[in-house]
């Protein structure tokens, strides 16, 4: 039963670039954020070693199992900084009882470049930001007729 995992970060990122790292458990080698289970999160990471407290403690059935680490890029992240993380060895993982390892392998950190974050903004009227929860009023529309409003959708973020 896995209780803790310590991963080493890589890249040029700073603590303001990343909002969290997540540790995921999977029964296959294909990561899917919709089908795999989040078992640990580090919300405010700093570069270096990060420690995941595994909740709930993850019992690994006999057979090959996979761990994935993901992170979220912060809105104010520095473009072209890089980020990655990975495990180096079995001793990066802490179990409730002494495990028997049989050929554990660890992939090298997959370092990615921060290219920016798209941020979609709706404007109505033009040049006036629409707040979340705002509703557009078309007025009374008679059956068989139509009405229209002009809105603008802009990407005000740093990514495409």
C-alpha atoms as a PDB file:
ATOM      1  CA  UNK A   1       0.000   0.000   0.000  1.00  0.00           C
ATOM      2  CA  UNK A   2       1.574   3.252  -1.205  1.00  0.00           C
ATOM      3  CA  UNK A   3       1.445   6.032   1.428  1.00  0.00           C
ATOM      4  CA  UNK A   4       3.871   8.662   0.087  1.00  0.00           C
ATOM      5  CA  UNK A   5       5.815   9.517  -3.062  1.00  0.00           C
ATOM      6  CA  UNK A   6       8.681  11.983  -3.462  1.00  0.00           C
ATOM      7  CA  UNK A   7       9.382  13.275  -6.952  1.00  0.00           C
ATOM      8  CA  UNK A   8      12.228  15.486  -8.160  1.00  0.00           C
ATOM      9  CA  UNK A   9      11.288  18.423 -10.362  1.00  0.00           C
ATOM     10  CA  UNK A  10      13.196  19.491 -13.440  1.00  0.00           C
ATOM     11  CA  UNK A  11      13.278  22.565 -15.641  1.00  0.00           C
ATOM     12  CA  UNK A  12      13.507  26.327 -15.158  1.00  0.00           C
ATOM     13  CA  UNK A  13      10.056  26.925 -13.610  1.00  0.00           C
ATOM     14  CA  UNK A  14       9.510  28.961 -10.461  1.00  0.00           C
ATOM     15  CA  UNK A  15       6.845  28.561  -7.773  1.00  0.00           C
ATOM     16  CA  UNK A  16       4.695  31.244  -9.463  1.00  0.00           C
ATOM     17  CA  UNK A  17       4.546  29.240 -12.719  1.00  0.00           C
ATOM     18  CA  UNK A  18       2.715  26.165 -11.391  1.00  0.00           C
ATOM     19  CA  UNK A  19      -0.442  26.019  -9.255  1.00  0.00           C
ATOM     20  CA  UNK A  20      -0.285  22.312  -8.417  1.00  0.00           C
ATOM     21  CA  UNK A  21       1.189  18.942  -9.162  1.00  0.00           C
ATOM     22  CA  UNK A  22      -1.071  15.873  -9.135  1.00  0.00           C
ATOM     23  CA  UNK A  23      -0.081  12.234  -8.691  1.00  0.00           C
ATOM     24  CA  UNK A  24      -2.285   9.829 -10.641  1.00  0.00           C
ATOM     25  CA  UNK A  25      -2.673   6.039 -10.408  1.00  0.00           C
ATOM     26  CA  UNK A  26      -3.460   3.971 -13.484  1.00  0.00           C
ATOM     27  CA  UNK A  27      -3.745   0.314 -14.355  1.00  0.00           C
ATOM     28  CA  UNK A  28      -2.408   0.930 -17.870  1.00  0.00           C
ATOM     29  CA  UNK A  29       0.344   2.932 -19.553  1.00  0.00           C
ATOM     30  CA  UNK A  30      -2.038   5.387 -21.239  1.00  0.00           C
ATOM     31  CA  UNK A  31      -2.776   8.425 -19.073  1.00  0.00           C
ATOM     32  CA  UNK A  32      -6.378   9.615 -19.004  1.00  0.00           C
ATOM     33  CA  UNK A  33      -7.419  12.366 -16.577  1.00  0.00           C
ATOM     34  CA  UNK A  34     -11.009  11.150 -16.887  1.00  0.00           C
ATOM     35  CA  UNK A  35     -10.315   7.446 -16.240  1.00  0.00           C
ATOM     36  CA  UNK A  36      -7.369   7.480 -13.835  1.00  0.00           C
ATOM     37  CA  UNK A  37      -7.475   8.228 -10.111  1.00  0.00           C
ATOM     38  CA  UNK A  38      -5.858  11.277  -8.460  1.00  0.00           C
ATOM     39  CA  UNK A  39      -4.126   9.985  -5.322  1.00  0.00           C
ATOM     40  CA  UNK A  40      -2.070  13.012  -4.254  1.00  0.00           C
ATOM     41  CA  UNK A  41      -1.806  16.763  -4.815  1.00  0.00           C
ATOM     42  CA  UNK A  42       0.809  19.388  -3.980  1.00  0.00           C
ATOM     43  CA  UNK A  43      -1.095  22.681  -4.295  1.00  0.00           C
ATOM     44  CA  UNK A  44       1.691  25.262  -3.881  1.00  0.00           C
ATOM     45  CA  UNK A  45       4.869  23.584  -5.141  1.00  0.00           C
ATOM     46  CA  UNK A  46       8.393  24.962  -5.154  1.00  0.00           C
ATOM     47  CA  UNK A  47      11.180  23.663  -7.405  1.00  0.00           C
ATOM     48  CA  UNK A  48      13.140  20.713  -6.014  1.00  0.00           C
ATOM     49  CA  UNK A  49      11.689  17.633  -4.365  1.00  0.00           C
ATOM     50  CA  UNK A  50       7.925  17.519  -3.936  1.00  0.00           C
ATOM     51  CA  UNK A  51       6.226  15.123  -1.523  1.00  0.00           C
ATOM     52  CA  UNK A  52       2.837  13.613  -2.281  1.00  0.00           C
ATOM     53  CA  UNK A  53       0.873  12.240   0.664  1.00  0.00           C
ATOM     54  CA  UNK A  54      -1.157   9.497  -0.985  1.00  0.00           C
ATOM     55  CA  UNK A  55      -4.860   9.800  -0.117  1.00  0.00           C
ATOM     56  CA  UNK A  56      -6.459   7.377   0.023  1.00  0.00           C
ATOM     57  CA  UNK A  57      -3.490   5.074   0.551  1.00  0.00           C
ATOM     58  CA  UNK A  58      -3.236   3.178  -2.716  1.00  0.00           C
ATOM     59  CA  UNK A  59      -3.133  -0.620  -2.568  1.00  0.00           C
ATOM     60  CA  UNK A  60      -1.449  -2.033  -5.674  1.00  0.00           C
ATOM     61  CA  UNK A  61      -2.782  -5.413  -6.784  1.00  0.00           C
ATOM     62  CA  UNK A  62      -0.180  -7.828  -8.134  1.00  0.00           C
ATOM     63  CA  UNK A  63       0.829  -6.846 -11.636  1.00  0.00           C
ATOM     64  CA  UNK A  64       2.130  -3.816 -13.475  1.00  0.00           C
ATOM     65  CA  UNK A  65       0.755  -0.475 -12.291  1.00  0.00           C
ATOM     66  CA  UNK A  66       1.531   3.088 -13.385  1.00  0.00           C
ATOM     67  CA  UNK A  67       1.970   6.485 -11.734  1.00  0.00           C
ATOM     68  CA  UNK A  68       1.679   9.750 -13.656  1.00  0.00           C
ATOM     69  CA  UNK A  69       2.452  13.298 -12.514  1.00  0.00           C
ATOM     70  CA  UNK A  70       0.710  16.319 -14.045  1.00  0.00           C
ATOM     71  CA  UNK A  71       0.710  20.023 -13.218  1.00  0.00           C
ATOM     72  CA  UNK A  72      -1.375  23.115 -13.924  1.00  0.00           C
ATOM     73  CA  UNK A  73       0.262  26.188 -15.422  1.00  0.00           C
ATOM     74  CA  UNK A  74      -0.582  29.376 -13.492  1.00  0.00           C
ATOM     75  CA  UNK A  75      -2.166  32.310 -15.305  1.00  0.00           C
ATOM     76  CA  UNK A  76       0.916  34.485 -14.709  1.00  0.00           C
ATOM     77  CA  UNK A  77       3.466  31.818 -15.669  1.00  0.00           C
ATOM     78  CA  UNK A  78       6.710  32.888 -17.333  1.00  0.00           C
ATOM     79  CA  UNK A  79       6.550  31.968 -21.013  1.00  0.00           C
ATOM     80  CA  UNK A  80       9.395  29.660 -22.188  1.00  0.00           C
ATOM     81  CA  UNK A  81      10.187  28.408 -18.672  1.00  0.00           C
ATOM     82  CA  UNK A  82      10.262  24.610 -18.596  1.00  0.00           C
ATOM     83  CA  UNK A  83       8.714  22.152 -16.147  1.00  0.00           C
ATOM     84  CA  UNK A  84       8.939  18.421 -15.502  1.00  0.00           C
ATOM     85  CA  UNK A  85       9.185  15.924 -12.682  1.00  0.00           C
ATOM     86  CA  UNK A  86       9.798  12.246 -12.104  1.00  0.00           C
ATOM     87  CA  UNK A  87      10.809   9.466  -9.747  1.00  0.00           C
ATOM     88  CA  UNK A  88      14.397   8.234  -9.657  1.00  0.00           C
ATOM     89  CA  UNK A  89      14.089   4.898  -7.846  1.00  0.00           C
ATOM     90  CA  UNK A  90      11.929   2.623  -5.722  1.00  0.00           C
ATOM     91  CA  UNK A  91      13.125   4.450  -2.581  1.00  0.00           C
ATOM     92  CA  UNK A  92      11.171   7.548  -3.771  1.00  0.00           C
ATOM     93  CA  UNK A  93       8.018   5.615  -2.853  1.00  0.00           C
ATOM     94  CA  UNK A  94       6.973   4.836   0.755  1.00  0.00           C
ATOM     95  CA  UNK A  95       4.728   1.888   1.579  1.00  0.00           C
ATOM     96  CA  UNK A  96       2.885   0.768   4.717  1.00  0.00           C
ATOM     97  CA  UNK A  97       4.821  -2.535   4.639  1.00  0.00           C
ATOM     98  CA  UNK A  98       8.102  -3.461   2.976  1.00  0.00           C
ATOM     99  CA  UNK A  99       7.330  -4.145  -0.698  1.00  0.00           C
ATOM    100  CA  UNK A 100       8.968  -6.667  -2.988  1.00  0.00           C
ATOM    101  CA  UNK A 101      10.017  -4.950  -6.204  1.00  0.00           C
ATOM    102  CA  UNK A 102      10.277  -6.863  -9.439  1.00  0.00           C
ATOM    103  CA  UNK A 103      11.731  -4.775 -12.216  1.00  0.00           C
ATOM    104  CA  UNK A 104      10.329  -1.332 -11.400  1.00  0.00           C
ATOM    105  CA  UNK A 105      11.316   1.188 -14.044  1.00  0.00           C
ATOM    106  CA  UNK A 106      11.074   4.971 -13.993  1.00  0.00           C
ATOM    107  CA  UNK A 107      10.844   7.163 -17.075  1.00  0.00           C
ATOM    108  CA  UNK A 108      13.007  10.269 -17.299  1.00  0.00           C
ATOM    109  CA  UNK A 109      11.235  13.527 -16.455  1.00  0.00           C
ATOM    110  CA  UNK A 110       9.259  14.719 -19.452  1.00  0.00           C
ATOM    111  CA  UNK A 111      10.259  18.407 -19.513  1.00  0.00           C
ATOM    112  CA  UNK A 112       7.780  20.687 -21.289  1.00  0.00           C
ATOM    113  CA  UNK A 113       8.008  24.364 -22.255  1.00  0.00           C
ATOM    114  CA  UNK A 114       5.385  26.771 -20.905  1.00  0.00           C
ATOM    115  CA  UNK A 115       3.851  28.360 -24.001  1.00  0.00           C
ATOM    116  CA  UNK A 116       1.169  30.430 -22.296  1.00  0.00           C
ATOM    117  CA  UNK A 117      -2.447  30.113 -21.279  1.00  0.00           C
ATOM    118  CA  UNK A 118      -5.411  31.068 -23.419  1.00  0.00           C
ATOM    119  CA  UNK A 119      -8.026  33.097 -21.580  1.00  0.00           C
ATOM    120  CA  UNK A 120     -11.321  33.626 -23.344  1.00  0.00           C
ATOM    121  CA  UNK A 121     -13.175  36.842 -22.550  1.00  0.00           C
ATOM    122  CA  UNK A 122     -16.697  37.757 -23.639  1.00  0.00           C
ATOM    123  CA  UNK A 123     -17.463  41.444 -24.202  1.00  0.00           C
ATOM    124  CA  UNK A 124     -20.926  43.011 -24.379  1.00  0.00           C
ATOM    125  CA  UNK A 125     -21.240  45.745 -25.300  1.00  0.00           C
ATOM    126  CA  UNK A 126     -17.908  45.745 -27.143  1.00  0.00           C
ATOM    127  CA  UNK A 127     -14.988  46.677 -24.821  1.00  0.00           C
ATOM    128  CA  UNK A 128     -17.067  45.838 -21.706  1.00  0.00           C
ATOM    129  CA  UNK A 129     -16.142  42.573 -19.974  1.00  0.00           C
ATOM    130  CA  UNK A 130     -19.036  40.230 -19.266  1.00  0.00           C
ATOM    131  CA  UNK A 131     -18.849  38.843 -15.726  1.00  0.00           C
ATOM    132  CA  UNK A 132     -19.531  35.173 -14.979  1.00  0.00           C
ATOM    133  CA  UNK A 133     -23.242  34.555 -14.549  1.00  0.00           C
ATOM    134  CA  UNK A 134     -24.224  37.506 -16.752  1.00  0.00           C
ATOM    135  CA  UNK A 135     -27.228  36.888 -18.988  1.00  0.00           C
ATOM    136  CA  UNK A 136     -27.825  38.594 -22.320  1.00  0.00           C
ATOM    137  CA  UNK A 137     -31.322  40.073 -22.664  1.00  0.00           C
ATOM    138  CA  UNK A 138     -32.771  39.930 -26.162  1.00  0.00           C
ATOM    139  CA  UNK A 139     -36.044  41.604 -25.143  1.00  0.00           C
ATOM    140  CA  UNK A 140     -39.400  40.374 -26.435  1.00  0.00           C
ATOM    141  CA  UNK A 141     -39.068  38.280 -29.569  1.00  0.00           C
ATOM    142  CA  UNK A 142     -42.305  37.700 -31.489  1.00  0.00           C
ATOM    143  CA  UNK A 143     -42.852  34.244 -32.972  1.00  0.00           C
ATOM    144  CA  UNK A 144     -41.540  34.185 -36.545  1.00  0.00           C
ATOM    145  CA  UNK A 145     -39.250  37.194 -36.078  1.00  0.00           C
ATOM    146  CA  UNK A 146     -35.694  37.519 -34.852  1.00  0.00           C
ATOM    147  CA  UNK A 147     -33.429  39.786 -32.854  1.00  0.00           C
ATOM    148  CA  UNK A 148     -29.673  40.024 -32.489  1.00  0.00           C
ATOM    149  CA  UNK A 149     -26.920  41.290 -30.218  1.00  0.00           C
ATOM    150  CA  UNK A 150     -23.267  41.806 -31.096  1.00  0.00           C
ATOM    151  CA  UNK A 151     -20.746  40.334 -28.673  1.00  0.00           C
ATOM    152  CA  UNK A 152     -16.992  39.955 -28.959  1.00  0.00           C
ATOM    153  CA  UNK A 153     -15.009  36.899 -27.841  1.00  0.00           C
ATOM    154  CA  UNK A 154     -11.298  37.594 -27.332  1.00  0.00           C
ATOM    155  CA  UNK A 155      -8.309  35.597 -26.220  1.00  0.00           C
ATOM    156  CA  UNK A 156      -6.744  37.901 -23.641  1.00  0.00           C
ATOM    157  CA  UNK A 157      -4.320  35.223 -22.418  1.00  0.00           C
ATOM    158  CA  UNK A 158      -0.736  34.482 -23.355  1.00  0.00           C
ATOM    159  CA  UNK A 159      -1.287  31.236 -25.292  1.00  0.00           C
ATOM    160  CA  UNK A 160      -3.017  30.365 -28.532  1.00  0.00           C
END
